[in-house]
Amino acid sequence: MSSGPKPRRIGHSYTGKGKAPEPTRKIFEITCIDYADPCDFTDKDGNIPTVIPSYTLGKEEELFSGTVELVSNDRESLIRSKLVDVLNTRIPGILTSDFSFVKVARKTVSEPACQLDQNWDYPQLKILAGQGKICIRLRRFVEQITGKPTSKPCTNIKSYFEDLPDHLPAHSPTLEDVVPATHTSASIVPSTSLQSTTTVMPGSSQVKRNVNL
């Protein structure tokens, strides 16, 4: 019998790469910022900037906040679709092209500098948001997106009466209203909503009442 060394058994060699990690889900807080008109940033020479410079975010410019769930392998097109589903609850008719991604740090809004063909996929968007929110800024006025004007506070008496319900009388009190008088003595009637002065007309039994709204 041969006493030589036994041949070594060669096992299978695994040269393939490891299994790809499963996509992870994360819920981001989002903030919707109102449209910034480039004309508002016109310099002293009348030049309108092509890129809106950084500016301080005011309370009236921060429209609303929300949340969205993204997956680590989401592409920009899918991310925009998910954001539209959220934004549409407040801005009906909004499209995936109606907003852009911006950076907000210490209440300063800035437009990130990037390549022209930049895609805001999940990895890029996560870096932009950091540990904070995903901030988007509208590219059009809300009225242009929804197709109807937004409710604004009444600024003059005309718009006040136009906003009154239909069941109220169509006419309003006139500034001069002549009413019968039962006596000729002058009097002032206290009122919380109207200021009235009563004047006796000479040679007449009528009283002329001036009403100041």
N, C-alpha and C. Protein backbone atom coordinates (compact mmCIF):
# COMPACT_ATOMS: atom_id res chain seq x y z
N MET A 1 0.84 -1.20 0.00
CA MET A 1 0.00 0.00 0.00
C MET A 1 0.87 1.25 0.00
N SER A 2 0.39 2.24 -0.77
CA SER A 2 1.16 3.48 -0.86
C SER A 2 0.93 4.31 0.39
N SER A 3 2.00 4.86 0.87
CA SER A 3 1.92 5.69 2.07
C SER A 3 2.06 7.17 1.74
N GLY A 4 1.85 7.51 0.44
CA GLY A 4 1.98 8.91 0.03
C GLY A 4 0.87 9.78 0.62
N PRO A 5 1.03 11.07 0.52
CA PRO A 5 0.02 12.01 1.08
C PRO A 5 -1.30 11.92 0.33
N LYS A 6 -2.36 12.07 1.04
CA LYS A 6 -3.68 12.03 0.45
C LYS A 6 -3.94 13.34 -0.31
N PRO A 7 -4.62 13.25 -1.44
CA PRO A 7 -4.92 14.48 -2.20
C PRO A 7 -5.87 15.39 -1.41
N ARG A 8 -5.60 16.68 -1.51
CA ARG A 8 -6.45 17.66 -0.81
C ARG A 8 -7.76 17.83 -1.56
N ARG A 9 -8.78 17.96 -0.80
CA ARG A 9 -10.11 18.14 -1.37
C ARG A 9 -10.37 19.65 -1.56
N ILE A 10 -10.58 20.02 -2.79
CA ILE A 10 -10.77 21.44 -3.08
C ILE A 10 -12.25 21.75 -3.02
N GLY A 11 -12.58 22.67 -2.18
CA GLY A 11 -13.98 23.05 -2.05
C GLY A 11 -14.40 24.05 -3.11
N HIS A 12 -15.66 24.38 -3.09
CA HIS A 12 -16.19 25.36 -4.04
C HIS A 12 -15.75 26.76 -3.63
N SER A 13 -15.39 27.52 -4.61
CA SER A 13 -15.00 28.91 -4.34
C SER A 13 -16.17 29.82 -4.71
N TYR A 14 -16.59 30.71 -3.80
CA TYR A 14 -17.69 31.63 -4.01
C TYR A 14 -17.11 33.00 -4.36
N THR A 15 -17.20 33.30 -5.61
CA THR A 15 -16.64 34.57 -6.07
C THR A 15 -17.71 35.64 -6.25
N GLY A 16 -19.00 35.30 -6.08
CA GLY A 16 -20.06 36.28 -6.25
C GLY A 16 -20.08 37.29 -5.11
N LYS A 17 -20.70 38.46 -5.37
CA LYS A 17 -20.79 39.50 -4.36
C LYS A 17 -21.86 39.15 -3.34
N GLY A 18 -21.76 39.83 -2.20
CA GLY A 18 -22.74 39.60 -1.14
C GLY A 18 -24.12 40.10 -1.54
N LYS A 19 -25.11 39.67 -0.82
CA LYS A 19 -26.49 40.03 -1.10
C LYS A 19 -26.71 41.51 -0.84
N ALA A 20 -27.41 42.17 -1.76
CA ALA A 20 -27.67 43.60 -1.62
C ALA A 20 -28.57 43.85 -0.42
N PRO A 21 -28.32 44.94 0.33
CA PRO A 21 -29.15 45.22 1.51
C PRO A 21 -30.57 45.56 1.10
N GLU A 22 -31.48 45.23 1.97
CA GLU A 22 -32.88 45.53 1.72
C GLU A 22 -33.11 47.04 1.81
N PRO A 23 -33.97 47.57 0.94
CA PRO A 23 -34.29 49.01 1.01
C PRO A 23 -34.89 49.37 2.36
N THR A 24 -34.53 50.53 2.85
CA THR A 24 -35.02 50.99 4.14
C THR A 24 -36.04 52.11 3.93
N ARG A 25 -36.95 52.23 4.85
CA ARG A 25 -37.97 53.27 4.80
C ARG A 25 -37.70 54.32 5.87
N LYS A 26 -38.03 55.56 5.53
CA LYS A 26 -37.84 56.65 6.49
C LYS A 26 -38.92 57.69 6.26
N ILE A 27 -39.44 58.21 7.36
CA ILE A 27 -40.45 59.26 7.29
C ILE A 27 -39.76 60.61 7.47
N PHE A 28 -39.97 61.49 6.49
CA PHE A 28 -39.38 62.82 6.52
C PHE A 28 -40.47 63.85 6.81
N GLU A 29 -40.09 64.89 7.52
CA GLU A 29 -40.97 66.05 7.66
C GLU A 29 -40.70 66.99 6.49
N ILE A 30 -41.76 67.53 5.92
CA ILE A 30 -41.60 68.43 4.79
C ILE A 30 -42.17 69.81 5.15
N THR A 31 -41.61 70.82 4.54
CA THR A 31 -42.11 72.19 4.69
C THR A 31 -42.31 72.79 3.31
N CYS A 32 -43.50 73.35 3.09
CA CYS A 32 -43.83 73.97 1.81
C CYS A 32 -43.66 75.48 1.94
N ILE A 33 -42.82 76.05 1.09
CA ILE A 33 -42.51 77.48 1.11
C ILE A 33 -43.17 78.15 -0.09
N ASP A 34 -43.70 79.33 0.13
CA ASP A 34 -44.41 80.05 -0.92
C ASP A 34 -43.48 80.46 -2.06
N TYR A 35 -44.08 80.73 -3.20
CA TYR A 35 -43.34 81.16 -4.40
C TYR A 35 -42.58 82.44 -4.13
N ALA A 36 -41.35 82.49 -4.61
CA ALA A 36 -40.52 83.68 -4.50
C ALA A 36 -40.40 84.31 -5.89
N ASP A 37 -40.92 85.51 -6.04
CA ASP A 37 -40.91 86.19 -7.33
C ASP A 37 -39.53 86.78 -7.59
N PRO A 38 -38.87 86.40 -8.69
CA PRO A 38 -37.55 86.97 -8.99
C PRO A 38 -37.55 88.49 -9.09
N CYS A 39 -38.69 89.06 -9.48
CA CYS A 39 -38.77 90.52 -9.60
C CYS A 39 -38.58 91.21 -8.25
N ASP A 40 -38.87 90.49 -7.17
CA ASP A 40 -38.68 91.08 -5.84
C ASP A 40 -37.20 91.21 -5.47
N PHE A 41 -36.34 90.59 -6.25
CA PHE A 41 -34.90 90.62 -5.96
C PHE A 41 -34.15 91.43 -7.02
N THR A 42 -34.84 92.28 -7.73
CA THR A 42 -34.22 93.13 -8.75
C THR A 42 -33.20 94.07 -8.09
N ASP A 43 -32.00 94.15 -8.67
CA ASP A 43 -30.98 95.01 -8.08
C ASP A 43 -31.22 96.47 -8.47
N LYS A 44 -30.34 97.35 -7.99
CA LYS A 44 -30.52 98.79 -8.21
C LYS A 44 -30.40 99.17 -9.68
N ASP A 45 -29.78 98.33 -10.49
CA ASP A 45 -29.65 98.60 -11.92
C ASP A 45 -30.81 98.04 -12.72
N GLY A 46 -31.78 97.41 -12.04
CA GLY A 46 -32.94 96.86 -12.73
C GLY A 46 -32.76 95.46 -13.27
N ASN A 47 -31.70 94.78 -12.86
CA ASN A 47 -31.44 93.42 -13.34
C ASN A 47 -32.19 92.40 -12.48
N ILE A 48 -32.92 91.50 -13.14
CA ILE A 48 -33.64 90.44 -12.44
C ILE A 48 -32.75 89.20 -12.41
N PRO A 49 -32.48 88.64 -11.24
CA PRO A 49 -31.57 87.49 -11.15
C PRO A 49 -32.18 86.23 -11.76
N THR A 50 -31.34 85.42 -12.36
CA THR A 50 -31.79 84.12 -12.88
C THR A 50 -31.86 83.08 -11.78
N VAL A 51 -31.04 83.26 -10.74
CA VAL A 51 -31.06 82.40 -9.56
C VAL A 51 -31.43 83.27 -8.36
N ILE A 52 -32.47 82.89 -7.67
CA ILE A 52 -32.93 83.69 -6.52
C ILE A 52 -31.89 83.62 -5.42
N PRO A 53 -31.40 84.76 -4.93
CA PRO A 53 -30.40 84.75 -3.86
C PRO A 53 -31.02 84.30 -2.53
N SER A 54 -30.15 84.03 -1.57
CA SER A 54 -30.62 83.60 -0.26
C SER A 54 -31.41 84.72 0.42
N TYR A 55 -32.42 84.34 1.19
CA TYR A 55 -33.23 85.33 1.89
C TYR A 55 -33.76 84.71 3.18
N THR A 56 -34.21 85.57 4.08
CA THR A 56 -34.73 85.12 5.36
C THR A 56 -36.17 84.65 5.21
N LEU A 57 -36.46 83.50 5.77
CA LEU A 57 -37.79 82.92 5.67
C LEU A 57 -38.72 83.57 6.68
N GLY A 58 -39.78 84.22 6.18
CA GLY A 58 -40.77 84.81 7.06
C GLY A 58 -41.89 83.84 7.40
N LYS A 59 -42.64 84.15 8.45
CA LYS A 59 -43.72 83.26 8.87
C LYS A 59 -44.79 83.13 7.79
N GLU A 60 -45.07 84.23 7.08
CA GLU A 60 -46.10 84.19 6.06
C GLU A 60 -45.67 83.41 4.82
N GLU A 61 -44.37 83.18 4.66
CA GLU A 61 -43.86 82.45 3.50
C GLU A 61 -43.83 80.95 3.74
N GLU A 62 -43.90 80.54 4.99
CA GLU A 62 -43.94 79.11 5.32
C GLU A 62 -45.40 78.68 5.33
N LEU A 63 -45.86 78.07 4.24
CA LEU A 63 -47.27 77.79 4.06
C LEU A 63 -47.79 76.72 5.01
N PHE A 64 -47.14 75.56 5.03
CA PHE A 64 -47.57 74.48 5.90
C PHE A 64 -46.50 73.41 5.95
N SER A 65 -46.67 72.48 6.88
CA SER A 65 -45.75 71.36 7.04
C SER A 65 -46.51 70.05 6.90
N GLY A 66 -45.77 68.97 6.70
CA GLY A 66 -46.39 67.65 6.56
C GLY A 66 -45.33 66.57 6.69
N THR A 67 -45.70 65.35 6.36
CA THR A 67 -44.78 64.23 6.40
C THR A 67 -44.94 63.37 5.15
N VAL A 68 -43.87 62.69 4.78
CA VAL A 68 -43.89 61.78 3.64
C VAL A 68 -42.95 60.62 3.93
N GLU A 69 -43.33 59.44 3.50
CA GLU A 69 -42.49 58.26 3.69
C GLU A 69 -41.77 57.94 2.40
N LEU A 70 -40.44 57.87 2.48
CA LEU A 70 -39.62 57.56 1.31
C LEU A 70 -38.84 56.28 1.55
N VAL A 71 -38.45 55.65 0.45
CA VAL A 71 -37.66 54.42 0.50
C VAL A 71 -36.28 54.73 -0.06
N SER A 72 -35.27 54.06 0.45
CA SER A 72 -33.88 54.38 0.12
C SER A 72 -33.54 54.20 -1.36
N ASN A 73 -34.37 53.49 -2.11
CA ASN A 73 -34.10 53.32 -3.54
C ASN A 73 -35.07 54.12 -4.41
N ASP A 74 -35.76 55.09 -3.82
CA ASP A 74 -36.70 55.92 -4.58
C ASP A 74 -35.94 56.85 -5.53
N ARG A 75 -36.47 56.98 -6.74
CA ARG A 75 -35.95 57.93 -7.71
C ARG A 75 -36.71 59.25 -7.58
N GLU A 76 -36.16 60.29 -8.20
CA GLU A 76 -36.78 61.61 -8.07
C GLU A 76 -38.22 61.63 -8.56
N SER A 77 -38.50 60.96 -9.67
CA SER A 77 -39.85 60.97 -10.21
C SER A 77 -40.85 60.39 -9.22
N LEU A 78 -40.46 59.31 -8.54
CA LEU A 78 -41.35 58.70 -7.56
C LEU A 78 -41.47 59.58 -6.32
N ILE A 79 -40.37 60.21 -5.92
CA ILE A 79 -40.40 61.10 -4.76
C ILE A 79 -41.34 62.27 -5.01
N ARG A 80 -41.26 62.84 -6.20
CA ARG A 80 -42.14 63.96 -6.52
C ARG A 80 -43.61 63.53 -6.52
N SER A 81 -43.87 62.33 -7.01
CA SER A 81 -45.25 61.83 -7.00
C SER A 81 -45.77 61.67 -5.57
N LYS A 82 -44.92 61.17 -4.69
CA LYS A 82 -45.32 61.02 -3.29
C LYS A 82 -45.56 62.38 -2.64
N LEU A 83 -44.72 63.35 -2.97
CA LEU A 83 -44.90 64.69 -2.42
C LEU A 83 -46.18 65.35 -2.93
N VAL A 84 -46.51 65.12 -4.19
CA VAL A 84 -47.74 65.68 -4.76
C VAL A 84 -48.95 65.14 -4.01
N ASP A 85 -48.93 63.86 -3.65
CA ASP A 85 -50.04 63.28 -2.90
C ASP A 85 -50.27 64.02 -1.58
N VAL A 86 -49.17 64.49 -0.96
CA VAL A 86 -49.28 65.23 0.30
C VAL A 86 -49.69 66.67 0.03
N LEU A 87 -49.02 67.33 -0.92
CA LEU A 87 -49.28 68.74 -1.18
C LEU A 87 -50.68 68.98 -1.73
N ASN A 88 -51.22 68.01 -2.44
CA ASN A 88 -52.54 68.16 -3.05
C ASN A 88 -53.65 68.32 -2.01
N THR A 89 -53.40 67.91 -0.78
CA THR A 89 -54.40 68.07 0.27
C THR A 89 -54.56 69.53 0.67
N ARG A 90 -53.57 70.36 0.40
CA ARG A 90 -53.63 71.78 0.72
C ARG A 90 -53.65 72.66 -0.53
N ILE A 91 -53.02 72.19 -1.61
CA ILE A 91 -52.97 72.96 -2.85
C ILE A 91 -53.51 72.07 -3.97
N PRO A 92 -54.81 72.03 -4.15
CA PRO A 92 -55.39 71.16 -5.19
C PRO A 92 -54.90 71.54 -6.58
N GLY A 93 -54.57 70.52 -7.36
CA GLY A 93 -54.12 70.75 -8.73
C GLY A 93 -52.63 70.90 -8.89
N ILE A 94 -51.86 70.78 -7.81
CA ILE A 94 -50.41 70.95 -7.91
C ILE A 94 -49.80 69.80 -8.71
N LEU A 95 -48.79 70.11 -9.50
CA LEU A 95 -48.12 69.13 -10.35
C LEU A 95 -46.71 68.84 -9.82
N THR A 96 -46.11 67.77 -10.36
CA THR A 96 -44.76 67.40 -9.92
C THR A 96 -43.71 68.43 -10.34
N SER A 97 -44.06 69.28 -11.30
CA SER A 97 -43.12 70.31 -11.77
C SER A 97 -43.35 71.66 -11.10
N ASP A 98 -44.27 71.73 -10.14
CA ASP A 98 -44.63 73.01 -9.53
C ASP A 98 -43.79 73.37 -8.32
N PHE A 99 -42.76 72.61 -8.01
CA PHE A 99 -41.94 72.93 -6.84
C PHE A 99 -40.51 72.49 -7.08
N SER A 100 -39.61 73.10 -6.33
CA SER A 100 -38.19 72.75 -6.38
C SER A 100 -37.69 72.53 -4.96
N PHE A 101 -36.56 71.86 -4.85
CA PHE A 101 -35.99 71.56 -3.55
C PHE A 101 -35.00 72.67 -3.15
N VAL A 102 -35.14 73.14 -1.92
CA VAL A 102 -34.27 74.21 -1.43
C VAL A 102 -33.71 73.80 -0.06
N LYS A 103 -32.74 74.58 0.39
CA LYS A 103 -32.11 74.35 1.68
C LYS A 103 -32.53 75.46 2.63
N VAL A 104 -32.93 75.08 3.82
CA VAL A 104 -33.28 76.06 4.86
C VAL A 104 -32.44 75.78 6.09
N ALA A 105 -31.63 76.75 6.45
CA ALA A 105 -30.78 76.63 7.64
C ALA A 105 -30.81 77.96 8.37
N ARG A 106 -31.16 77.91 9.65
CA ARG A 106 -31.25 79.11 10.47
C ARG A 106 -32.17 80.15 9.84
N LYS A 107 -33.32 79.68 9.37
CA LYS A 107 -34.35 80.53 8.77
C LYS A 107 -33.88 81.24 7.50
N THR A 108 -32.83 80.73 6.86
CA THR A 108 -32.35 81.30 5.60
C THR A 108 -32.61 80.30 4.48
N VAL A 109 -33.32 80.75 3.46
CA VAL A 109 -33.65 79.90 2.31
C VAL A 109 -32.59 80.11 1.24
N SER A 110 -32.03 79.03 0.75
CA SER A 110 -31.01 79.11 -0.30
C SER A 110 -31.26 78.03 -1.33
N GLU A 111 -30.92 78.34 -2.56
CA GLU A 111 -31.07 77.41 -3.67
C GLU A 111 -29.75 76.67 -3.86
N PRO A 112 -29.71 75.35 -3.68
CA PRO A 112 -28.43 74.62 -3.76
C PRO A 112 -27.83 74.68 -5.16
N ALA A 113 -26.52 74.91 -5.22
CA ALA A 113 -25.81 74.88 -6.50
C ALA A 113 -25.51 73.43 -6.87
N CYS A 114 -25.88 73.06 -8.08
CA CYS A 114 -25.69 71.68 -8.52
C CYS A 114 -25.58 71.64 -10.04
N GLN A 115 -25.29 70.47 -10.56
CA GLN A 115 -25.18 70.30 -12.00
C GLN A 115 -26.54 70.47 -12.66
N LEU A 116 -26.52 70.81 -13.94
CA LEU A 116 -27.76 71.02 -14.66
C LEU A 116 -28.60 69.75 -14.75
N ASP A 117 -27.93 68.60 -14.81
CA ASP A 117 -28.65 67.33 -14.90
C ASP A 117 -28.78 66.66 -13.54
N GLN A 118 -28.76 67.45 -12.48
CA GLN A 118 -28.87 66.90 -11.12
C GLN A 118 -30.21 66.19 -10.93
N ASN A 119 -30.14 64.97 -10.44
CA ASN A 119 -31.34 64.23 -10.08
C ASN A 119 -31.46 64.18 -8.56
N TRP A 120 -32.63 64.54 -8.07
CA TRP A 120 -32.85 64.52 -6.62
C TRP A 120 -33.45 63.18 -6.22
N ASP A 121 -32.60 62.14 -6.34
CA ASP A 121 -32.99 60.83 -5.85
C ASP A 121 -32.85 60.80 -4.33
N TYR A 122 -33.21 59.67 -3.74
CA TYR A 122 -33.19 59.57 -2.28
C TYR A 122 -31.84 59.92 -1.67
N PRO A 123 -30.71 59.39 -2.15
CA PRO A 123 -29.43 59.71 -1.50
C PRO A 123 -29.12 61.21 -1.54
N GLN A 124 -29.35 61.87 -2.68
CA GLN A 124 -29.07 63.30 -2.78
C GLN A 124 -30.01 64.12 -1.90
N LEU A 125 -31.27 63.72 -1.90
CA LEU A 125 -32.25 64.47 -1.11
C LEU A 125 -32.01 64.30 0.38
N LYS A 126 -31.55 63.14 0.78
CA LYS A 126 -31.24 62.91 2.19
C LYS A 126 -30.08 63.78 2.64
N ILE A 127 -29.09 63.95 1.77
CA ILE A 127 -27.95 64.82 2.11
C ILE A 127 -28.41 66.27 2.22
N LEU A 128 -29.28 66.69 1.29
CA LEU A 128 -29.78 68.06 1.33
C LEU A 128 -30.59 68.33 2.60
N ALA A 129 -31.40 67.37 3.00
CA ALA A 129 -32.21 67.54 4.21
C ALA A 129 -31.39 67.42 5.47
N GLY A 130 -30.33 66.60 5.43
CA GLY A 130 -29.52 66.40 6.63
C GLY A 130 -30.36 65.76 7.72
N GLN A 131 -30.27 66.35 8.92
CA GLN A 131 -31.08 65.88 10.04
C GLN A 131 -32.36 66.68 10.18
N GLY A 132 -32.63 67.54 9.18
CA GLY A 132 -33.81 68.39 9.26
C GLY A 132 -34.91 67.96 8.32
N LYS A 133 -35.59 68.96 7.75
CA LYS A 133 -36.76 68.71 6.91
C LYS A 133 -36.40 68.73 5.43
N ILE A 134 -37.28 68.14 4.63
CA ILE A 134 -37.23 68.31 3.18
C ILE A 134 -38.02 69.58 2.87
N CYS A 135 -37.34 70.59 2.36
CA CYS A 135 -37.98 71.88 2.10
C CYS A 135 -38.20 72.05 0.60
N ILE A 136 -39.41 72.36 0.24
CA ILE A 136 -39.73 72.59 -1.17
C ILE A 136 -40.29 73.99 -1.32
N ARG A 137 -40.02 74.61 -2.46
CA ARG A 137 -40.53 75.96 -2.73
C ARG A 137 -41.34 75.94 -4.03
N LEU A 138 -42.49 76.57 -3.98
CA LEU A 138 -43.36 76.60 -5.15
C LEU A 138 -42.72 77.38 -6.28
N ARG A 139 -42.99 76.97 -7.51
CA ARG A 139 -42.50 77.65 -8.69
C ARG A 139 -43.55 78.56 -9.31
N ARG A 140 -44.75 78.55 -8.76
CA ARG A 140 -45.82 79.41 -9.22
C ARG A 140 -46.61 79.90 -8.00
N PHE A 141 -47.38 80.97 -8.20
CA PHE A 141 -48.27 81.43 -7.15
C PHE A 141 -49.34 80.37 -6.89
N VAL A 142 -49.80 80.29 -5.65
CA VAL A 142 -50.84 79.33 -5.30
C VAL A 142 -52.08 79.54 -6.15
N GLU A 143 -52.43 80.82 -6.40
CA GLU A 143 -53.60 81.12 -7.22
C GLU A 143 -53.47 80.55 -8.62
N GLN A 144 -52.27 80.55 -9.17
CA GLN A 144 -52.06 80.00 -10.50
C GLN A 144 -52.18 78.48 -10.52
N ILE A 145 -51.81 77.85 -9.43
CA ILE A 145 -51.88 76.39 -9.35
C ILE A 145 -53.32 75.93 -9.17
N THR A 146 -54.02 76.55 -8.23
CA THR A 146 -55.38 76.13 -7.92
C THR A 146 -56.40 76.69 -8.91
N GLY A 147 -56.06 77.78 -9.58
CA GLY A 147 -57.00 78.39 -10.51
C GLY A 147 -58.04 79.27 -9.88
N LYS A 148 -57.89 79.59 -8.60
CA LYS A 148 -58.84 80.47 -7.92
C LYS A 148 -58.09 81.28 -6.87
N PRO A 149 -58.56 82.51 -6.58
CA PRO A 149 -57.87 83.35 -5.59
C PRO A 149 -58.02 82.80 -4.19
N THR A 150 -57.03 83.08 -3.38
CA THR A 150 -57.07 82.66 -1.99
C THR A 150 -57.83 83.68 -1.17
N SER A 151 -58.31 83.27 0.00
CA SER A 151 -59.04 84.18 0.89
C SER A 151 -58.05 85.13 1.55
N LYS A 152 -58.36 86.41 1.46
CA LYS A 152 -57.50 87.43 2.05
C LYS A 152 -58.33 88.32 2.96
N PRO A 153 -57.71 88.94 3.98
CA PRO A 153 -58.45 89.82 4.88
C PRO A 153 -59.05 91.00 4.11
N CYS A 154 -60.20 91.47 4.60
CA CYS A 154 -60.85 92.61 3.99
C CYS A 154 -60.01 93.85 4.18
N THR A 155 -59.74 94.59 3.10
CA THR A 155 -58.89 95.77 3.17
C THR A 155 -59.66 97.05 2.92
N ASN A 156 -60.89 96.99 2.44
CA ASN A 156 -61.67 98.19 2.22
C ASN A 156 -63.15 97.88 2.38
N ILE A 157 -63.96 98.93 2.49
CA ILE A 157 -65.38 98.74 2.76
C ILE A 157 -66.08 98.08 1.59
N LYS A 158 -65.61 98.32 0.36
CA LYS A 158 -66.24 97.72 -0.81
C LYS A 158 -66.11 96.20 -0.77
N SER A 159 -64.89 95.70 -0.53
CA SER A 159 -64.71 94.26 -0.48
C SER A 159 -65.43 93.65 0.70
N TYR A 160 -65.62 94.45 1.78
CA TYR A 160 -66.35 93.93 2.94
C TYR A 160 -67.78 93.57 2.56
N PHE A 161 -68.47 94.51 1.85
CA PHE A 161 -69.84 94.25 1.47
C PHE A 161 -69.94 93.19 0.39
N GLU A 162 -68.91 93.05 -0.45
CA GLU A 162 -68.91 92.01 -1.47
C GLU A 162 -68.78 90.63 -0.84
N ASP A 163 -68.14 90.56 0.34
CA ASP A 163 -67.95 89.27 1.00
C ASP A 163 -69.12 88.89 1.90
N LEU A 164 -70.13 89.75 2.04
CA LEU A 164 -71.27 89.44 2.90
C LEU A 164 -72.08 88.29 2.30
N PRO A 165 -72.75 87.48 3.14
CA PRO A 165 -73.59 86.39 2.62
C PRO A 165 -74.73 86.94 1.77
N ASP A 166 -75.25 86.09 0.89
CA ASP A 166 -76.29 86.51 -0.04
C ASP A 166 -77.61 86.84 0.65
N HIS A 167 -77.85 86.28 1.85
CA HIS A 167 -79.14 86.47 2.48
C HIS A 167 -79.26 87.82 3.15
N LEU A 168 -78.18 88.58 3.28
CA LEU A 168 -78.25 89.89 3.87
C LEU A 168 -78.79 90.89 2.87
N PRO A 169 -79.37 92.02 3.33
CA PRO A 169 -79.88 93.03 2.41
C PRO A 169 -78.79 93.52 1.48
N ALA A 170 -79.18 93.79 0.22
CA ALA A 170 -78.19 94.21 -0.76
C ALA A 170 -77.75 95.64 -0.55
N HIS A 171 -78.63 96.49 0.10
CA HIS A 171 -78.27 97.89 0.29
C HIS A 171 -77.61 98.08 1.63
N SER A 172 -76.85 99.14 1.77
CA SER A 172 -76.19 99.49 3.02
C SER A 172 -76.73 100.83 3.49
N PRO A 173 -76.58 101.20 4.77
CA PRO A 173 -77.08 102.49 5.26
C PRO A 173 -76.46 103.63 4.50
N THR A 174 -77.31 104.60 4.13
CA THR A 174 -76.80 105.79 3.45
C THR A 174 -76.18 106.73 4.45
N LEU A 175 -75.33 107.63 3.96
CA LEU A 175 -74.68 108.58 4.83
C LEU A 175 -75.66 109.63 5.37
N GLU A 176 -76.69 109.93 4.61
CA GLU A 176 -77.69 110.91 5.04
C GLU A 176 -79.06 110.25 4.97
N ASP A 177 -79.71 110.23 6.11
CA ASP A 177 -81.01 109.57 6.18
C ASP A 177 -81.95 110.46 6.96
N VAL A 178 -82.99 110.96 6.33
CA VAL A 178 -83.94 111.84 6.99
C VAL A 178 -85.06 111.00 7.58
N VAL A 179 -85.28 111.15 8.90
CA VAL A 179 -86.29 110.36 9.61
C VAL A 179 -87.22 111.30 10.34
N PRO A 180 -88.47 110.91 10.55
CA PRO A 180 -89.41 111.75 11.31
C PRO A 180 -88.95 111.90 12.74
N ALA A 181 -89.22 113.04 13.33
CA ALA A 181 -88.85 113.30 14.73
C ALA A 181 -90.10 113.53 15.54
N THR A 182 -90.14 113.04 16.76
CA THR A 182 -91.28 113.22 17.64
C THR A 182 -91.11 114.44 18.53
N HIS A 183 -89.89 115.00 18.57
CA HIS A 183 -89.65 116.19 19.37
C HIS A 183 -88.54 116.97 18.70
N THR A 184 -88.36 118.20 19.14
CA THR A 184 -87.40 119.10 18.51
C THR A 184 -86.11 119.23 19.30
N SER A 185 -85.96 118.47 20.37
CA SER A 185 -84.74 118.56 21.17
C SER A 185 -83.67 117.70 20.55
N ALA A 186 -82.42 118.17 20.58
CA ALA A 186 -81.29 117.43 20.03
C ALA A 186 -80.82 116.40 21.04
N SER A 187 -80.44 115.22 20.57
CA SER A 187 -79.97 114.17 21.46
C SER A 187 -78.92 113.35 20.75
N ILE A 188 -78.06 112.69 21.52
CA ILE A 188 -77.03 111.79 21.01
C ILE A 188 -77.33 110.40 21.52
N VAL A 189 -77.45 109.45 20.60
CA VAL A 189 -77.77 108.07 20.96
C VAL A 189 -76.49 107.27 21.03
N PRO A 190 -76.12 106.72 22.19
CA PRO A 190 -74.89 105.92 22.28
C PRO A 190 -75.00 104.69 21.39
N SER A 191 -73.88 104.30 20.74
CA SER A 191 -73.84 103.10 19.91
C SER A 191 -72.44 102.57 19.88
N THR A 192 -72.31 101.25 19.83
CA THR A 192 -70.98 100.63 19.77
C THR A 192 -70.48 100.48 18.35
N SER A 193 -71.42 100.57 17.36
CA SER A 193 -71.02 100.34 15.98
C SER A 193 -71.18 101.57 15.09
N LEU A 194 -72.11 102.52 15.50
CA LEU A 194 -72.33 103.70 14.70
C LEU A 194 -72.18 104.93 15.57
N GLN A 195 -71.68 106.01 14.98
CA GLN A 195 -71.61 107.31 15.62
C GLN A 195 -72.60 108.21 14.91
N SER A 196 -73.62 108.70 15.61
CA SER A 196 -74.66 109.49 14.97
C SER A 196 -74.80 110.83 15.65
N THR A 197 -75.04 111.88 14.90
CA THR A 197 -75.32 113.21 15.42
C THR A 197 -76.66 113.65 14.87
N THR A 198 -77.46 114.26 15.72
CA THR A 198 -78.81 114.68 15.35
C THR A 198 -78.86 116.19 15.30
N THR A 199 -79.37 116.77 14.20
CA THR A 199 -79.44 118.21 14.01
C THR A 199 -80.87 118.60 13.72
N VAL A 200 -81.35 119.63 14.43
CA VAL A 200 -82.71 120.11 14.21
C VAL A 200 -82.69 121.05 13.01
N MET A 201 -83.52 120.79 12.01
CA MET A 201 -83.65 121.63 10.84
C MET A 201 -84.56 122.80 11.17
N PRO A 202 -84.10 124.04 10.98
CA PRO A 202 -84.94 125.21 11.32
C PRO A 202 -86.24 125.20 10.53
N GLY A 203 -87.32 125.54 11.24
CA GLY A 203 -88.63 125.64 10.60
C GLY A 203 -89.18 124.32 10.14
N SER A 204 -88.71 123.22 10.68
CA SER A 204 -89.18 121.92 10.26
C SER A 204 -89.34 121.03 11.46
N SER A 205 -90.22 120.07 11.35
CA SER A 205 -90.44 119.10 12.42
C SER A 205 -89.66 117.83 12.19
N GLN A 206 -88.74 117.86 11.20
CA GLN A 206 -87.94 116.69 10.89
C GLN A 206 -86.51 116.88 11.39
N VAL A 207 -85.87 115.79 11.63
CA VAL A 207 -84.50 115.79 12.12
C VAL A 207 -83.61 115.17 11.08
N LYS A 208 -82.52 115.81 10.77
CA LYS A 208 -81.55 115.27 9.80
C LYS A 208 -80.47 114.52 10.56
N ARG A 209 -80.27 113.22 10.22
CA ARG A 209 -79.31 112.37 10.93
C ARG A 209 -78.13 112.03 10.01
N ASN A 210 -76.98 112.42 10.48
CA ASN A 210 -75.76 112.08 9.77
C ASN A 210 -75.16 110.84 10.39
N VAL A 211 -74.95 109.79 9.61
CA VAL A 211 -74.42 108.52 10.12
C VAL A 211 -73.04 108.31 9.55
N ASN A 212 -72.06 108.11 10.42
CA ASN A 212 -70.68 107.83 10.01
C ASN A 212 -70.39 106.37 10.27
N LEU A 213 -70.10 105.65 9.19
CA LEU A 213 -69.77 104.23 9.33
C LEU A 213 -68.41 104.08 9.95
